């Protein structure tokens, strides 16, 4: 079963071809902008996830207080 999972992951040459294709498509100047946008998106997702977890925990605490 683990061999099936390894078939889908790209190896060294495949990764090199993917990186080369990205460089050709977007150019060297656009890649930092793309990475900045990706970083912003990840930060926003993590902050939204943290605030949602906090809201759920607060709701569970309030529910526990009302049951007492």
PDB file of N, CA and C in Angstrom:
ATOM      1  N   UNK A   1       0.828  -1.194   0.000  1.00  0.00           N
ATOM      2  CA  UNK A   1       0.000   0.000   0.000  1.00  0.00           C
ATOM      3  C   UNK A   1       0.871   1.256   0.000  1.00  0.00           C
ATOM      4  N   UNK A   2       2.013   1.213   0.686  1.00  0.00           N
ATOM      5  CA  UNK A   2       2.883   2.381   0.703  1.00  0.00           C
ATOM      6  C   UNK A   2       3.518   2.622  -0.657  1.00  0.00           C
ATOM      7  N   UNK A   3       3.703   1.566  -1.440  1.00  0.00           N
ATOM      8  CA  UNK A   3       4.275   1.762  -2.774  1.00  0.00           C
ATOM      9  C   UNK A   3       3.307   2.507  -3.681  1.00  0.00           C
ATOM     10  N   UNK A   4       2.013   2.318  -3.472  1.00  0.00           N
ATOM     11  CA  UNK A   4       1.038   3.055  -4.266  1.00  0.00           C
ATOM     12  C   UNK A   4       1.080   4.537  -3.940  1.00  0.00           C
ATOM     13  N   UNK A   5       1.322   4.868  -2.681  1.00  0.00           N
ATOM     14  CA  UNK A   5       1.402   6.276  -2.293  1.00  0.00           C
ATOM     15  C   UNK A   5       2.638   6.924  -2.894  1.00  0.00           C
ATOM     16  N   UNK A   6       3.717   6.165  -3.028  1.00  0.00           N
ATOM     17  CA  UNK A   6       4.955   6.718  -3.574  1.00  0.00           C
ATOM     18  C   UNK A   6       4.884   6.928  -5.077  1.00  0.00           C
ATOM     19  N   UNK A   7       4.006   6.245  -5.762  1.00  0.00           N
ATOM     20  CA  UNK A   7       3.902   6.399  -7.209  1.00  0.00           C
ATOM     21  C   UNK A   7       3.397   7.789  -7.599  1.00  0.00           C
ATOM     22  N   UNK A   8       2.642   8.429  -6.744  1.00  0.00           N
ATOM     23  CA  UNK A   8       2.078   9.719  -7.074  1.00  0.00           C
ATOM     24  C   UNK A   8       2.991  10.895  -6.773  1.00  0.00           C
ATOM     25  N   UNK A   9       4.070  10.698  -6.010  1.00  0.00           N
ATOM     26  CA  UNK A   9       4.951  11.806  -5.649  1.00  0.00           C
ATOM     27  C   UNK A   9       6.026  11.990  -6.717  1.00  0.00           C
ATOM     28  N   UNK A  10       6.278  13.227  -7.107  1.00  0.00           N
ATOM     29  CA  UNK A  10       7.299  13.475  -8.128  1.00  0.00           C
ATOM     30  C   UNK A  10       8.709  13.275  -7.565  1.00  0.00           C
ATOM     31  N   UNK A  11       9.603  12.753  -8.396  1.00  0.00           N
ATOM     32  CA  UNK A  11      10.988  12.531  -7.983  1.00  0.00           C
ATOM     33  C   UNK A  11      11.835  13.743  -8.384  1.00  0.00           C
ATOM     34  N   UNK A  12      13.150  13.588  -8.326  1.00  0.00           N
ATOM     35  CA  UNK A  12      14.068  14.697  -8.576  1.00  0.00           C
ATOM     36  C   UNK A  12      13.915  15.338  -9.939  1.00  0.00           C
ATOM     37  N   UNK A  13      13.958  14.537 -10.988  1.00  0.00           N
ATOM     38  CA  UNK A  13      13.853  15.085 -12.349  1.00  0.00           C
ATOM     39  C   UNK A  13      12.471  15.683 -12.607  1.00  0.00           C
ATOM     40  N   UNK A  14      11.463  15.037 -12.087  1.00  0.00           N
ATOM     41  CA  UNK A  14      10.107  15.560 -12.271  1.00  0.00           C
ATOM     42  C   UNK A  14       9.944  16.910 -11.577  1.00  0.00           C
ATOM     43  N   UNK A  15      10.489  17.031 -10.368  1.00  0.00           N
ATOM     44  CA  UNK A  15      10.437  18.317  -9.667  1.00  0.00           C
ATOM     45  C   UNK A  15      11.195  19.392 -10.433  1.00  0.00           C
ATOM     46  N   UNK A  16      12.333  19.035 -10.995  1.00  0.00           N
ATOM     47  CA  UNK A  16      13.123  19.981 -11.783  1.00  0.00           C
ATOM     48  C   UNK A  16      12.329  20.467 -12.999  1.00  0.00           C
ATOM     49  N   UNK A  17      11.650  19.574 -13.670  1.00  0.00           N
ATOM     50  CA  UNK A  17      10.825  19.945 -14.826  1.00  0.00           C
ATOM     51  C   UNK A  17       9.673  20.843 -14.401  1.00  0.00           C
ATOM     52  N   UNK A  18       9.041  20.541 -13.247  1.00  0.00           N
ATOM     53  CA  UNK A  18       7.936  21.366 -12.752  1.00  0.00           C
ATOM     54  C   UNK A  18       8.420  22.769 -12.434  1.00  0.00           C
ATOM     55  N   UNK A  19       9.567  22.882 -11.746  1.00  0.00           N
ATOM     56  CA  UNK A  19      10.119  24.201 -11.401  1.00  0.00           C
ATOM     57  C   UNK A  19      10.468  24.970 -12.670  1.00  0.00           C
ATOM     58  N   UNK A  20      11.049  24.302 -13.648  1.00  0.00           N
ATOM     59  CA  UNK A  20      11.395  24.948 -14.912  1.00  0.00           C
ATOM     60  C   UNK A  20      10.149  25.449 -15.633  1.00  0.00           C
ATOM     61  N   UNK A  21       9.089  24.648 -15.629  1.00  0.00           N
ATOM     62  CA  UNK A  21       7.838  25.053 -16.270  1.00  0.00           C
ATOM     63  C   UNK A  21       7.240  26.270 -15.568  1.00  0.00           C
ATOM     64  N   UNK A  22       7.305  26.301 -14.253  1.00  0.00           N
ATOM     65  CA  UNK A  22       6.785  27.455 -13.501  1.00  0.00           C
ATOM     66  C   UNK A  22       7.587  28.702 -13.837  1.00  0.00           C
ATOM     67  N   UNK A  23       8.906  28.559 -13.929  1.00  0.00           N
ATOM     68  CA  UNK A  23       9.739  29.699 -14.304  1.00  0.00           C
ATOM     69  C   UNK A  23       9.396  30.209 -15.696  1.00  0.00           C
ATOM     70  N   UNK A  24       9.149  29.306 -16.605  1.00  0.00           N
ATOM     71  CA  UNK A  24       8.784  29.721 -17.966  1.00  0.00           C
ATOM     72  C   UNK A  24       7.424  30.409 -18.008  1.00  0.00           C
ATOM     73  N   UNK A  25       6.469  29.888 -17.240  1.00  0.00           N
ATOM     74  CA  UNK A  25       5.120  30.443 -17.267  1.00  0.00           C
ATOM     75  C   UNK A  25       5.032  31.813 -16.590  1.00  0.00           C
ATOM     76  N   UNK A  26       5.644  31.933 -15.441  1.00  0.00           N
ATOM     77  CA  UNK A  26       5.458  33.150 -14.655  1.00  0.00           C
ATOM     78  C   UNK A  26       6.639  34.101 -14.702  1.00  0.00           C
ATOM     79  N   UNK A  27       7.795  33.633 -15.036  1.00  0.00           N
ATOM     80  CA  UNK A  27       8.975  34.486 -15.060  1.00  0.00           C
ATOM     81  C   UNK A  27       9.544  34.673 -13.665  1.00  0.00           C
ATOM     82  N   UNK A  28      10.782  35.080 -13.601  1.00  0.00           N
ATOM     83  CA  UNK A  28      11.472  35.235 -12.326  1.00  0.00           C
ATOM     84  C   UNK A  28      10.938  36.358 -11.468  1.00  0.00           C
ATOM     85  N   UNK A  29      10.350  37.377 -12.085  1.00  0.00           N
ATOM     86  CA  UNK A  29       9.876  38.529 -11.312  1.00  0.00           C
ATOM     87  C   UNK A  29       8.532  38.276 -10.653  1.00  0.00           C
ATOM     88  N   UNK A  30       7.743  37.424 -11.226  1.00  0.00           N
ATOM     89  CA  UNK A  30       6.396  37.171 -10.684  1.00  0.00           C
ATOM     90  C   UNK A  30       6.395  36.166  -9.542  1.00  0.00           C
ATOM     91  N   UNK A  31       7.381  35.296  -9.476  1.00  0.00           N
ATOM     92  CA  UNK A  31       7.388  34.237  -8.470  1.00  0.00           C
ATOM     93  C   UNK A  31       7.405  34.793  -7.046  1.00  0.00           C
ATOM     94  N   UNK A  32       8.247  35.796  -6.713  1.00  0.00           N
ATOM     95  CA  UNK A  32       8.183  36.342  -5.341  1.00  0.00           C
ATOM     96  C   UNK A  32       6.807  36.926  -5.001  1.00  0.00           C
ATOM     97  N   UNK A  33       6.159  37.554  -5.972  1.00  0.00           N
ATOM     98  CA  UNK A  33       4.816  38.089  -5.733  1.00  0.00           C
ATOM     99  C   UNK A  33       3.825  36.959  -5.463  1.00  0.00           C
ATOM    100  N   UNK A  34       3.942  35.882  -6.221  1.00  0.00           N
ATOM    101  CA  UNK A  34       3.069  34.730  -6.012  1.00  0.00           C
ATOM    102  C   UNK A  34       3.291  34.119  -4.631  1.00  0.00           C
ATOM    103  N   UNK A  35       4.540  34.006  -4.217  1.00  0.00           N
ATOM    104  CA  UNK A  35       4.849  33.429  -2.911  1.00  0.00           C
ATOM    105  C   UNK A  35       4.355  34.329  -1.778  1.00  0.00           C
ATOM    106  N   UNK A  36       4.470  35.651  -1.955  1.00  0.00           N
ATOM    107  CA  UNK A  36       3.946  36.580  -0.947  1.00  0.00           C
ATOM    108  C   UNK A  36       2.438  36.418  -0.805  1.00  0.00           C
ATOM    109  N   UNK A  37       1.759  36.319  -1.936  1.00  0.00           N
ATOM    110  CA  UNK A  37       0.308  36.116  -1.911  1.00  0.00           C
ATOM    111  C   UNK A  37      -0.057  34.797  -1.258  1.00  0.00           C
ATOM    112  N   UNK A  38       0.712  33.768  -1.542  1.00  0.00           N
ATOM    113  CA  UNK A  38       0.465  32.466  -0.921  1.00  0.00           C
ATOM    114  C   UNK A  38       0.687  32.543   0.583  1.00  0.00           C
ATOM    115  N   UNK A  39       1.737  33.222   1.002  1.00  0.00           N
ATOM    116  CA  UNK A  39       2.006  33.389   2.430  1.00  0.00           C
ATOM    117  C   UNK A  39       0.899  34.151   3.128  1.00  0.00           C
ATOM    118  N   UNK A  40       0.406  35.214   2.485  1.00  0.00           N
ATOM    119  CA  UNK A  40      -0.714  35.978   3.053  1.00  0.00           C
ATOM    120  C   UNK A  40      -1.946  35.105   3.209  1.00  0.00           C
ATOM    121  N   UNK A  41      -2.234  34.320   2.204  1.00  0.00           N
ATOM    122  CA  UNK A  41      -3.394  33.433   2.257  1.00  0.00           C
ATOM    123  C   UNK A  41      -3.279  32.417   3.376  1.00  0.00           C
ATOM    124  N   UNK A  42      -2.093  31.855   3.548  1.00  0.00           N
ATOM    125  CA  UNK A  42      -1.883  30.876   4.615  1.00  0.00           C
ATOM    126  C   UNK A  42      -2.030  31.534   5.977  1.00  0.00           C
ATOM    127  N   UNK A  43      -1.480  32.743   6.127  1.00  0.00           N
ATOM    128  CA  UNK A  43      -1.606  33.462   7.415  1.00  0.00           C
ATOM    129  C   UNK A  43      -3.066  33.762   7.725  1.00  0.00           C
ATOM    130  N   UNK A  44      -3.818  34.224   6.736  1.00  0.00           N
ATOM    131  CA  UNK A  44      -5.235  34.522   6.942  1.00  0.00           C
ATOM    132  C   UNK A  44      -6.017  33.257   7.298  1.00  0.00           C
ATOM    133  N   UNK A  45      -5.705  32.161   6.620  1.00  0.00           N
ATOM    134  CA  UNK A  45      -6.373  30.893   6.919  1.00  0.00           C
ATOM    135  C   UNK A  45      -6.082  30.453   8.349  1.00  0.00           C
ATOM    136  N   UNK A  46      -4.815  30.544   8.769  1.00  0.00           N
ATOM    137  CA  UNK A  46      -4.455  30.135  10.123  1.00  0.00           C
ATOM    138  C   UNK A  46      -5.095  31.023  11.173  1.00  0.00           C
ATOM    139  N   UNK A  47      -5.170  32.322  10.927  1.00  0.00           N
ATOM    140  CA  UNK A  47      -5.803  33.209  11.905  1.00  0.00           C
ATOM    141  C   UNK A  47      -7.302  32.957  11.982  1.00  0.00           C
ATOM    142  N   UNK A  48      -7.931  32.694  10.856  1.00  0.00           N
ATOM    143  CA  UNK A  48      -9.362  32.376  10.859  1.00  0.00           C
ATOM    144  C   UNK A  48      -9.611  31.054  11.577  1.00  0.00           C
ATOM    145  N   UNK A  49      -8.728  30.084  11.366  1.00  0.00           N
ATOM    146  CA  UNK A  49      -8.848  28.790  12.037  1.00  0.00           C
ATOM    147  C   UNK A  49      -8.690  28.960  13.548  1.00  0.00           C
ATOM    148  N   UNK A  50      -7.724  29.765  13.971  1.00  0.00           N
ATOM    149  CA  UNK A  50      -7.498  29.984  15.400  1.00  0.00           C
ATOM    150  C   UNK A  50      -8.686  30.698  16.043  1.00  0.00           C
ATOM    151  N   UNK A  51      -9.244  31.691  15.351  1.00  0.00           N
ATOM    152  CA  UNK A  51     -10.387  32.409  15.917  1.00  0.00           C
ATOM    153  C   UNK A  51     -11.610  31.505  15.990  1.00  0.00           C
ATOM    154  N   UNK A  52     -11.782  30.632  15.017  1.00  0.00           N
ATOM    155  CA  UNK A  52     -12.897  29.690  15.041  1.00  0.00           C
ATOM    156  C   UNK A  52     -12.736  28.697  16.188  1.00  0.00           C
ATOM    157  N   UNK A  53     -11.524  28.218  16.415  1.00  0.00           N
ATOM    158  CA  UNK A  53     -11.275  27.305  17.526  1.00  0.00           C
ATOM    159  C   UNK A  53     -11.552  27.997  18.858  1.00  0.00           C
ATOM    160  N   UNK A  54     -11.136  29.248  18.974  1.00  0.00           N
ATOM    161  CA  UNK A  54     -11.371  30.002  20.211  1.00  0.00           C
ATOM    162  C   UNK A  54     -12.859  30.189  20.453  1.00  0.00           C
ATOM    163  N   UNK A  55     -13.607  30.500  19.407  1.00  0.00           N
ATOM    164  CA  UNK A  55     -15.057  30.659  19.555  1.00  0.00           C
ATOM    165  C   UNK A  55     -15.719  29.359  19.986  1.00  0.00           C
ATOM    166  N   UNK A  56     -15.283  28.241  19.412  1.00  0.00           N
ATOM    167  CA  UNK A  56     -15.844  26.943  19.788  1.00  0.00           C
ATOM    168  C   UNK A  56     -15.520  26.604  21.239  1.00  0.00           C
ATOM    169  N   UNK A  57     -14.290  26.858  21.653  1.00  0.00           N
ATOM    170  CA  UNK A  57     -13.911  26.582  23.038  1.00  0.00           C
ATOM    171  C   UNK A  57     -14.673  27.473  24.004  1.00  0.00           C
ATOM    172  N   UNK A  58     -14.854  28.729  23.648  1.00  0.00           N
ATOM    173  CA  UNK A  58     -15.605  29.653  24.502  1.00  0.00           C
ATOM    174  C   UNK A  58     -17.061  29.193  24.617  1.00  0.00           C
ATOM    175  N   UNK A  59     -17.647  28.756  23.523  1.00  0.00           N
ATOM    176  CA  UNK A  59     -19.015  28.255  23.550  1.00  0.00           C
ATOM    177  C   UNK A  59     -19.138  27.007  24.410  1.00  0.00           C
ATOM    178  N   UNK A  60     -18.135  26.133  24.335  1.00  0.00           N
ATOM    179  CA  UNK A  60     -18.166  24.928  25.157  1.00  0.00           C
ATOM    180  C   UNK A  60     -18.022  25.277  26.635  1.00  0.00           C
ATOM    181  N   UNK A  61     -17.192  26.288  26.949  1.00  0.00           N
ATOM    182  CA  UNK A  61     -17.055  26.717  28.355  1.00  0.00           C
ATOM    183  C   UNK A  61     -18.356  27.305  28.866  1.00  0.00           C
ATOM    184  N   UNK A  62     -19.009  28.137  28.047  1.00  0.00           N
ATOM    185  CA  UNK A  62     -20.282  28.741  28.459  1.00  0.00           C
ATOM    186  C   UNK A  62     -21.338  27.678  28.648  1.00  0.00           C
ATOM    187  N   UNK A  63     -21.365  26.680  27.786  1.00  0.00           N
ATOM    188  CA  UNK A  63     -22.345  25.601  27.900  1.00  0.00           C
ATOM    189  C   UNK A  63     -22.098  24.790  29.176  1.00  0.00           C
ATOM    190  N   UNK A  64     -20.829  24.573  29.501  1.00  0.00           N
ATOM    191  CA  UNK A  64     -20.503  23.825  30.709  1.00  0.00           C
ATOM    192  C   UNK A  64     -20.920  24.608  31.957  1.00  0.00           C
ATOM    193  N   UNK A  65     -20.803  25.935  31.922  1.00  0.00           N
ATOM    194  CA  UNK A  65     -21.206  26.757  33.068  1.00  0.00           C
ATOM    195  C   UNK A  65     -22.715  26.734  33.264  1.00  0.00           C
ATOM    196  N   UNK A  66     -23.456  26.725  32.162  1.00  0.00           N
ATOM    197  CA  UNK A  66     -24.912  26.720  32.288  1.00  0.00           C
ATOM    198  C   UNK A  66     -25.445  25.380  32.795  1.00  0.00           C
ATOM    199  N   UNK A  67     -24.709  24.295  32.559  1.00  0.00           N
ATOM    200  CA  UNK A  67     -25.133  22.977  33.031  1.00  0.00           C
ATOM    201  C   UNK A  67     -24.873  22.797  34.516  1.00  0.00           C
ATOM    202  N   UNK A  68     -23.946  23.572  35.063  1.00  0.00           N
ATOM    203  CA  UNK A  68     -23.619  23.421  36.495  1.00  0.00           C
ATOM    204  C   UNK A  68     -24.659  23.953  37.388  1.00  0.00           C
TER     205      UNK A  68
END
